[in-house]
Amino acid sequence: MPPDKTVERLMARITELEIKQTYYDGSQDDLDRALIRMQEKIDTLLNEINKIRTVIESRPEQPIAPLSEETPPPHY
């Protein structure tokens, strides 16, 4: 194969790899942003769960009566 063709093939391959690398870099940035948003949502949900847990634990009475004390539903 003539040296010019080899150089052209190598240059084309390098260009192709550079394009792919740019695409992967963009995809990685998108994934990083999505992961950050997901972690923020998880943190928010954990805070909400902790607030609910605090409210439930601060109640002196049981929030749910034992089954034996529950009145039967109207269809019985």
PDB file of N, CA and C in Angstrom:
ATOM      1  N   MET A   1       0.855  -1.179   0.000  1.00  0.00           N
ATOM      2  CA  MET A   1       0.000   0.000   0.000  1.00  0.00           C
ATOM      3  C   MET A   1       0.895   1.234   0.000  1.00  0.00           C
ATOM      4  N   PRO A   2       0.581   2.218  -0.842  1.00  0.00           N
ATOM      5  CA  PRO A   2       1.403   3.424  -0.892  1.00  0.00           C
ATOM      6  C   PRO A   2       1.361   4.174   0.433  1.00  0.00           C
ATOM      7  N   PRO A   3       2.458   4.824   0.769  1.00  0.00           N
ATOM      8  CA  PRO A   3       2.520   5.544   2.048  1.00  0.00           C
ATOM      9  C   PRO A   3       1.443   6.621   2.185  1.00  0.00           C
ATOM     10  N   ASP A   4       1.069   7.273   1.088  1.00  0.00           N
ATOM     11  CA  ASP A   4       0.037   8.312   1.155  1.00  0.00           C
ATOM     12  C   ASP A   4      -1.296   7.725   1.604  1.00  0.00           C
ATOM     13  N   LYS A   5      -1.634   6.553   1.074  1.00  0.00           N
ATOM     14  CA  LYS A   5      -2.898   5.910   1.442  1.00  0.00           C
ATOM     15  C   LYS A   5      -2.884   5.504   2.917  1.00  0.00           C
ATOM     16  N   THR A   6      -1.750   5.024   3.388  1.00  0.00           N
ATOM     17  CA  THR A   6      -1.635   4.614   4.789  1.00  0.00           C
ATOM     18  C   THR A   6      -1.827   5.823   5.699  1.00  0.00           C
ATOM     19  N   VAL A   7      -1.211   6.927   5.349  1.00  0.00           N
ATOM     20  CA  VAL A   7      -1.345   8.147   6.147  1.00  0.00           C
ATOM     21  C   VAL A   7      -2.793   8.635   6.123  1.00  0.00           C
ATOM     22  N   GLU A   8      -3.418   8.578   4.959  1.00  0.00           N
ATOM     23  CA  GLU A   8      -4.816   9.002   4.847  1.00  0.00           C
ATOM     24  C   GLU A   8      -5.721   8.121   5.710  1.00  0.00           C
ATOM     25  N   ARG A   9      -5.482   6.812   5.662  1.00  0.00           N
ATOM     26  CA  ARG A   9      -6.279   5.897   6.489  1.00  0.00           C
ATOM     27  C   ARG A   9      -6.083   6.180   7.972  1.00  0.00           C
ATOM     28  N   LEU A  10      -4.845   6.408   8.363  1.00  0.00           N
ATOM     29  CA  LEU A  10      -4.561   6.701   9.772  1.00  0.00           C
ATOM     30  C   LEU A  10      -5.204   8.018  10.198  1.00  0.00           C
ATOM     31  N   MET A  11      -5.125   9.016   9.344  1.00  0.00           N
ATOM     32  CA  MET A  11      -5.733  10.312   9.662  1.00  0.00           C
ATOM     33  C   MET A  11      -7.254  10.184   9.776  1.00  0.00           C
ATOM     34  N   ALA A  12      -7.856   9.404   8.886  1.00  0.00           N
ATOM     35  CA  ALA A  12      -9.302   9.191   8.933  1.00  0.00           C
ATOM     36  C   ALA A  12      -9.672   8.459  10.225  1.00  0.00           C
ATOM     37  N   ARG A  13      -8.866   7.481  10.585  1.00  0.00           N
ATOM     38  CA  ARG A  13      -9.124   6.717  11.812  1.00  0.00           C
ATOM     39  C   ARG A  13      -8.980   7.623  13.041  1.00  0.00           C
ATOM     40  N   ILE A  14      -7.972   8.450  13.067  1.00  0.00           N
ATOM     41  CA  ILE A  14      -7.784   9.387  14.188  1.00  0.00           C
ATOM     42  C   ILE A  14      -8.967  10.340  14.293  1.00  0.00           C
ATOM     43  N   THR A  15      -9.415  10.855  13.160  1.00  0.00           N
ATOM     44  CA  THR A  15     -10.575  11.754  13.153  1.00  0.00           C
ATOM     45  C   THR A  15     -11.810  11.042  13.683  1.00  0.00           C
ATOM     46  N   GLU A  16     -12.003   9.801  13.250  1.00  0.00           N
ATOM     47  CA  GLU A  16     -13.140   9.013  13.716  1.00  0.00           C
ATOM     48  C   GLU A  16     -13.070   8.800  15.237  1.00  0.00           C
ATOM     49  N   LEU A  17     -11.883   8.483  15.722  1.00  0.00           N
ATOM     50  CA  LEU A  17     -11.716   8.277  17.167  1.00  0.00           C
ATOM     51  C   LEU A  17     -11.943   9.571  17.955  1.00  0.00           C
ATOM     52  N   GLU A  18     -11.507  10.685  17.403  1.00  0.00           N
ATOM     53  CA  GLU A  18     -11.728  11.971  18.068  1.00  0.00           C
ATOM     54  C   GLU A  18     -13.219  12.297  18.151  1.00  0.00           C
ATOM     55  N   ILE A  19     -13.945  12.009  17.086  1.00  0.00           N
ATOM     56  CA  ILE A  19     -15.392  12.243  17.070  1.00  0.00           C
ATOM     57  C   ILE A  19     -16.066  11.366  18.119  1.00  0.00           C
ATOM     58  N   LYS A  20     -15.688  10.089  18.171  1.00  0.00           N
ATOM     59  CA  LYS A  20     -16.263   9.182  19.158  1.00  0.00           C
ATOM     60  C   LYS A  20     -15.942   9.645  20.583  1.00  0.00           C
ATOM     61  N   GLN A  21     -14.712  10.078  20.807  1.00  0.00           N
ATOM     62  CA  GLN A  21     -14.313  10.540  22.135  1.00  0.00           C
ATOM     63  C   GLN A  21     -15.123  11.767  22.546  1.00  0.00           C
ATOM     64  N   THR A  22     -15.371  12.663  21.625  1.00  0.00           N
ATOM     65  CA  THR A  22     -16.181  13.844  21.913  1.00  0.00           C
ATOM     66  C   THR A  22     -17.601  13.430  22.290  1.00  0.00           C
ATOM     67  N   TYR A  23     -18.157  12.469  21.568  1.00  0.00           N
ATOM     68  CA  TYR A  23     -19.494  11.961  21.863  1.00  0.00           C
ATOM     69  C   TYR A  23     -19.518  11.334  23.255  1.00  0.00           C
ATOM     70  N   TYR A  24     -18.515  10.514  23.574  1.00  0.00           N
ATOM     71  CA  TYR A  24     -18.473   9.856  24.874  1.00  0.00           C
ATOM     72  C   TYR A  24     -18.292  10.864  26.005  1.00  0.00           C
ATOM     73  N   ASP A  25     -17.501  11.904  25.762  1.00  0.00           N
ATOM     74  CA  ASP A  25     -17.337  12.948  26.778  1.00  0.00           C
ATOM     75  C   ASP A  25     -18.674  13.629  27.057  1.00  0.00           C
ATOM     76  N   GLY A  26     -19.421  13.931  25.998  1.00  0.00           N
ATOM     77  CA  GLY A  26     -20.739  14.548  26.169  1.00  0.00           C
ATOM     78  C   GLY A  26     -21.695  13.622  26.898  1.00  0.00           C
ATOM     79  N   SER A  27     -21.662  12.345  26.558  1.00  0.00           N
ATOM     80  CA  SER A  27     -22.525  11.374  27.228  1.00  0.00           C
ATOM     81  C   SER A  27     -22.159  11.265  28.707  1.00  0.00           C
ATOM     82  N   GLN A  28     -20.874  11.269  29.001  1.00  0.00           N
ATOM     83  CA  GLN A  28     -20.422  11.187  30.389  1.00  0.00           C
ATOM     84  C   GLN A  28     -20.892  12.406  31.171  1.00  0.00           C
ATOM     85  N   ASP A  29     -20.820  13.580  30.572  1.00  0.00           N
ATOM     86  CA  ASP A  29     -21.310  14.789  31.240  1.00  0.00           C
ATOM     87  C   ASP A  29     -22.805  14.692  31.513  1.00  0.00           C
ATOM     88  N   ASP A  30     -23.564  14.189  30.543  1.00  0.00           N
ATOM     89  CA  ASP A  30     -25.006  14.012  30.734  1.00  0.00           C
ATOM     90  C   ASP A  30     -25.299  13.044  31.874  1.00  0.00           C
ATOM     91  N   LEU A  31     -24.565  11.945  31.913  1.00  0.00           N
ATOM     92  CA  LEU A  31     -24.754  10.958  32.974  1.00  0.00           C
ATOM     93  C   LEU A  31     -24.375  11.525  34.335  1.00  0.00           C
ATOM     94  N   ASP A  32     -23.315  12.309  34.390  1.00  0.00           N
ATOM     95  CA  ASP A  32     -22.910  12.941  35.650  1.00  0.00           C
ATOM     96  C   ASP A  32     -24.005  13.868  36.170  1.00  0.00           C
ATOM     97  N   ARG A  33     -24.580  14.671  35.273  1.00  0.00           N
ATOM     98  CA  ARG A  33     -25.649  15.587  35.687  1.00  0.00           C
ATOM     99  C   ARG A  33     -26.882  14.818  36.154  1.00  0.00           C
ATOM    100  N   ALA A  34     -27.213  13.735  35.447  1.00  0.00           N
ATOM    101  CA  ALA A  34     -28.363  12.925  35.840  1.00  0.00           C
ATOM    102  C   ALA A  34     -28.121  12.285  37.206  1.00  0.00           C
ATOM    103  N   LEU A  35     -26.929  11.828  37.448  1.00  0.00           N
ATOM    104  CA  LEU A  35     -26.597  11.211  38.729  1.00  0.00           C
ATOM    105  C   LEU A  35     -26.683  12.227  39.859  1.00  0.00           C
ATOM    106  N   ILE A  36     -26.230  13.433  39.611  1.00  0.00           N
ATOM    107  CA  ILE A  36     -26.317  14.492  40.628  1.00  0.00           C
ATOM    108  C   ILE A  36     -27.779  14.796  40.934  1.00  0.00           C
ATOM    109  N   ARG A  37     -28.625  14.910  39.904  1.00  0.00           N
ATOM    110  CA  ARG A  37     -30.055  15.164  40.125  1.00  0.00           C
ATOM    111  C   ARG A  37     -30.703  14.027  40.909  1.00  0.00           C
ATOM    112  N   MET A  38     -30.350  12.793  40.574  1.00  0.00           N
ATOM    113  CA  MET A  38     -30.915  11.651  41.279  1.00  0.00           C
ATOM    114  C   MET A  38     -30.497  11.658  42.748  1.00  0.00           C
ATOM    115  N   GLN A  39     -29.238  11.977  43.020  1.00  0.00           N
ATOM    116  CA  GLN A  39     -28.775  12.013  44.405  1.00  0.00           C
ATOM    117  C   GLN A  39     -29.479  13.122  45.176  1.00  0.00           C
ATOM    118  N   GLU A  40     -29.712  14.260  44.530  1.00  0.00           N
ATOM    119  CA  GLU A  40     -30.450  15.339  45.187  1.00  0.00           C
ATOM    120  C   GLU A  40     -31.872  14.894  45.523  1.00  0.00           C
ATOM    121  N   LYS A  41     -32.512  14.176  44.607  1.00  0.00           N
ATOM    122  CA  LYS A  41     -33.868  13.675  44.867  1.00  0.00           C
ATOM    123  C   LYS A  41     -33.859  12.656  46.001  1.00  0.00           C
ATOM    124  N   ILE A  42     -32.867  11.779  46.016  1.00  0.00           N
ATOM    125  CA  ILE A  42     -32.757  10.788  47.094  1.00  0.00           C
ATOM    126  C   ILE A  42     -32.582  11.495  48.428  1.00  0.00           C
ATOM    127  N   ASP A  43     -31.724  12.512  48.461  1.00  0.00           N
ATOM    128  CA  ASP A  43     -31.517  13.264  49.700  1.00  0.00           C
ATOM    129  C   ASP A  43     -32.809  13.923  50.165  1.00  0.00           C
ATOM    130  N   THR A  44     -33.558  14.501  49.223  1.00  0.00           N
ATOM    131  CA  THR A  44     -34.833  15.132  49.564  1.00  0.00           C
ATOM    132  C   THR A  44     -35.807  14.104  50.127  1.00  0.00           C
ATOM    133  N   LEU A  45     -35.904  12.946  49.480  1.00  0.00           N
ATOM    134  CA  LEU A  45     -36.805  11.900  49.951  1.00  0.00           C
ATOM    135  C   LEU A  45     -36.389  11.376  51.324  1.00  0.00           C
ATOM    136  N   LEU A  46     -35.103  11.234  51.557  1.00  0.00           N
ATOM    137  CA  LEU A  46     -34.639  10.787  52.870  1.00  0.00           C
ATOM    138  C   LEU A  46     -34.995  11.802  53.950  1.00  0.00           C
ATOM    139  N   ASN A  47     -34.868  13.082  53.619  1.00  0.00           N
ATOM    140  CA  ASN A  47     -35.254  14.122  54.581  1.00  0.00           C
ATOM    141  C   ASN A  47     -36.743  14.039  54.893  1.00  0.00           C
ATOM    142  N   GLU A  48     -37.559  13.824  53.869  1.00  0.00           N
ATOM    143  CA  GLU A  48     -38.998  13.700  54.076  1.00  0.00           C
ATOM    144  C   GLU A  48     -39.320  12.476  54.933  1.00  0.00           C
ATOM    145  N   ILE A  49     -38.657  11.376  54.663  1.00  0.00           N
ATOM    146  CA  ILE A  49     -38.881  10.167  55.458  1.00  0.00           C
ATOM    147  C   ILE A  49     -38.514  10.421  56.913  1.00  0.00           C
ATOM    148  N   ASN A  50     -37.405  11.095  57.135  1.00  0.00           N
ATOM    149  CA  ASN A  50     -36.989  11.388  58.509  1.00  0.00           C
ATOM    150  C   ASN A  50     -37.986  12.302  59.210  1.00  0.00           C
ATOM    151  N   LYS A  51     -38.544  13.269  58.485  1.00  0.00           N
ATOM    152  CA  LYS A  51     -39.570  14.141  59.079  1.00  0.00           C
ATOM    153  C   LYS A  51     -40.799  13.324  59.457  1.00  0.00           C
ATOM    154  N   ILE A  52     -41.233  12.445  58.561  1.00  0.00           N
ATOM    155  CA  ILE A  52     -42.408  11.610  58.834  1.00  0.00           C
ATOM    156  C   ILE A  52     -42.125  10.694  60.030  1.00  0.00           C
ATOM    157  N   ARG A  53     -40.938  10.122  60.058  1.00  0.00           N
ATOM    158  CA  ARG A  53     -40.566   9.244  61.168  1.00  0.00           C
ATOM    159  C   ARG A  53     -40.600  10.008  62.492  1.00  0.00           C
ATOM    160  N   THR A  54     -40.099  11.229  62.482  1.00  0.00           N
ATOM    161  CA  THR A  54     -40.100  12.043  63.698  1.00  0.00           C
ATOM    162  C   THR A  54     -41.526  12.329  64.160  1.00  0.00           C
ATOM    163  N   VAL A  55     -42.400  12.659  63.228  1.00  0.00           N
ATOM    164  CA  VAL A  55     -43.796  12.929  63.579  1.00  0.00           C
ATOM    165  C   VAL A  55     -44.443  11.678  64.156  1.00  0.00           C
ATOM    166  N   ILE A  56     -44.241  10.550  63.519  1.00  0.00           N
ATOM    167  CA  ILE A  56     -44.846   9.302  63.984  1.00  0.00           C
ATOM    168  C   ILE A  56     -44.304   8.918  65.356  1.00  0.00           C
ATOM    169  N   GLU A  57     -43.015   9.033  65.534  1.00  0.00           N
ATOM    170  CA  GLU A  57     -42.408   8.653  66.813  1.00  0.00           C
ATOM    171  C   GLU A  57     -42.777   9.616  67.938  1.00  0.00           C
ATOM    172  N   SER A  58     -43.132  10.839  67.605  1.00  0.00           N
ATOM    173  CA  SER A  58     -43.470  11.819  68.646  1.00  0.00           C
ATOM    174  C   SER A  58     -44.900  11.657  69.143  1.00  0.00           C
ATOM    175  N   ARG A  59     -45.694  10.878  68.442  1.00  0.00           N
ATOM    176  CA  ARG A  59     -47.082  10.665  68.866  1.00  0.00           C
ATOM    177  C   ARG A  59     -47.097   9.711  70.052  1.00  0.00           C
ATOM    178  N   PRO A  60     -47.788  10.087  71.113  1.00  0.00           N
ATOM    179  CA  PRO A  60     -47.797   9.220  72.286  1.00  0.00           C
ATOM    180  C   PRO A  60     -48.660   7.970  72.095  1.00  0.00           C
ATOM    181  N   GLU A  61     -49.709   8.073  71.319  1.00  0.00           N
ATOM    182  CA  GLU A  61     -50.588   6.925  71.123  1.00  0.00           C
ATOM    183  C   GLU A  61     -50.193   6.162  69.865  1.00  0.00           C
ATOM    184  N   GLN A  62     -50.686   4.974  69.776  1.00  0.00           N
ATOM    185  CA  GLN A  62     -50.449   4.167  68.599  1.00  0.00           C
ATOM    186  C   GLN A  62     -51.249   4.763  67.435  1.00  0.00           C
ATOM    187  N   PRO A  63     -50.647   4.944  66.272  1.00  0.00           N
ATOM    188  CA  PRO A  63     -51.400   5.499  65.143  1.00  0.00           C
ATOM    189  C   PRO A  63     -52.439   4.519  64.588  1.00  0.00           C
ATOM    190  N   ILE A  64     -52.242   3.234  64.836  1.00  0.00           N
ATOM    191  CA  ILE A  64     -53.166   2.224  64.330  1.00  0.00           C
ATOM    192  C   ILE A  64     -53.618   1.372  65.512  1.00  0.00           C
ATOM    193  N   ALA A  65     -54.910   1.222  65.653  1.00  0.00           N
ATOM    194  CA  ALA A  65     -55.442   0.406  66.743  1.00  0.00           C
ATOM    195  C   ALA A  65     -55.206  -1.071  66.437  1.00  0.00           C
ATOM    196  N   PRO A  66     -55.086  -1.889  67.489  1.00  0.00           N
ATOM    197  CA  PRO A  66     -54.967  -3.326  67.240  1.00  0.00           C
ATOM    198  C   PRO A  66     -56.197  -3.834  66.492  1.00  0.00           C
ATOM    199  N   LEU A  67     -56.026  -4.889  65.745  1.00  0.00           N
ATOM    200  CA  LEU A  67     -57.102  -5.429  64.922  1.00  0.00           C
ATOM    201  C   LEU A  67     -58.329  -5.784  65.756  1.00  0.00           C
ATOM    202  N   SER A  68     -58.123  -6.257  66.966  1.00  0.00           N
ATOM    203  CA  SER A  68     -59.247  -6.634  67.823  1.00  0.00           C
ATOM    204  C   SER A  68     -60.094  -5.410  68.233  1.00  0.00           C
ATOM    205  N   GLU A  69     -59.522  -4.232  68.204  1.00  0.00           N
ATOM    206  CA  GLU A  69     -60.233  -3.016  68.583  1.00  0.00           C
ATOM    207  C   GLU A  69     -60.850  -2.289  67.386  1.00  0.00           C
ATOM    208  N   GLU A  70     -60.499  -2.691  66.204  1.00  0.00           N
ATOM    209  CA  GLU A  70     -61.032  -2.035  65.001  1.00  0.00           C
ATOM    210  C   GLU A  70     -62.488  -2.413  64.808  1.00  0.00           C
ATOM    211  N   THR A  71     -63.295  -1.439  64.416  1.00  0.00           N
ATOM    212  CA  THR A  71     -64.679  -1.750  64.091  1.00  0.00           C
ATOM    213  C   THR A  71     -64.718  -2.391  62.709  1.00  0.00           C
ATOM    214  N   PRO A  72     -65.594  -3.348  62.534  1.00  0.00           N
ATOM    215  CA  PRO A  72     -65.634  -4.020  61.226  1.00  0.00           C
ATOM    216  C   PRO A  72     -66.118  -3.058  60.146  1.00  0.00           C
ATOM    217  N   PRO A  73     -65.696  -3.273  58.938  1.00  0.00           N
ATOM    218  CA  PRO A  73     -66.142  -2.421  57.831  1.00  0.00           C
ATOM    219  C   PRO A  73     -67.644  -2.559  57.610  1.00  0.00           C
ATOM    220  N   PRO A  74     -68.270  -1.595  56.960  1.00  0.00           N
ATOM    221  CA  PRO A  74     -69.721  -1.586  56.820  1.00  0.00           C
ATOM    222  C   PRO A  74     -70.290  -2.775  56.038  1.00  0.00           C
ATOM    223  N   HIS A  75     -69.498  -3.423  55.242  1.00  0.00           N
ATOM    224  CA  HIS A  75     -70.038  -4.517  54.433  1.00  0.00           C
ATOM    225  C   HIS A  75     -70.154  -5.830  55.212  1.00  0.00           C
ATOM    226  N   TYR A  76     -69.771  -5.848  56.504  1.00  0.00           N
ATOM    227  CA  TYR A  76     -69.926  -7.073  57.323  1.00  0.00           C
ATOM    228  C   TYR A  76     -71.256  -7.123  57.985  1.00  0.00           C
TER     229      TYR A  76
END
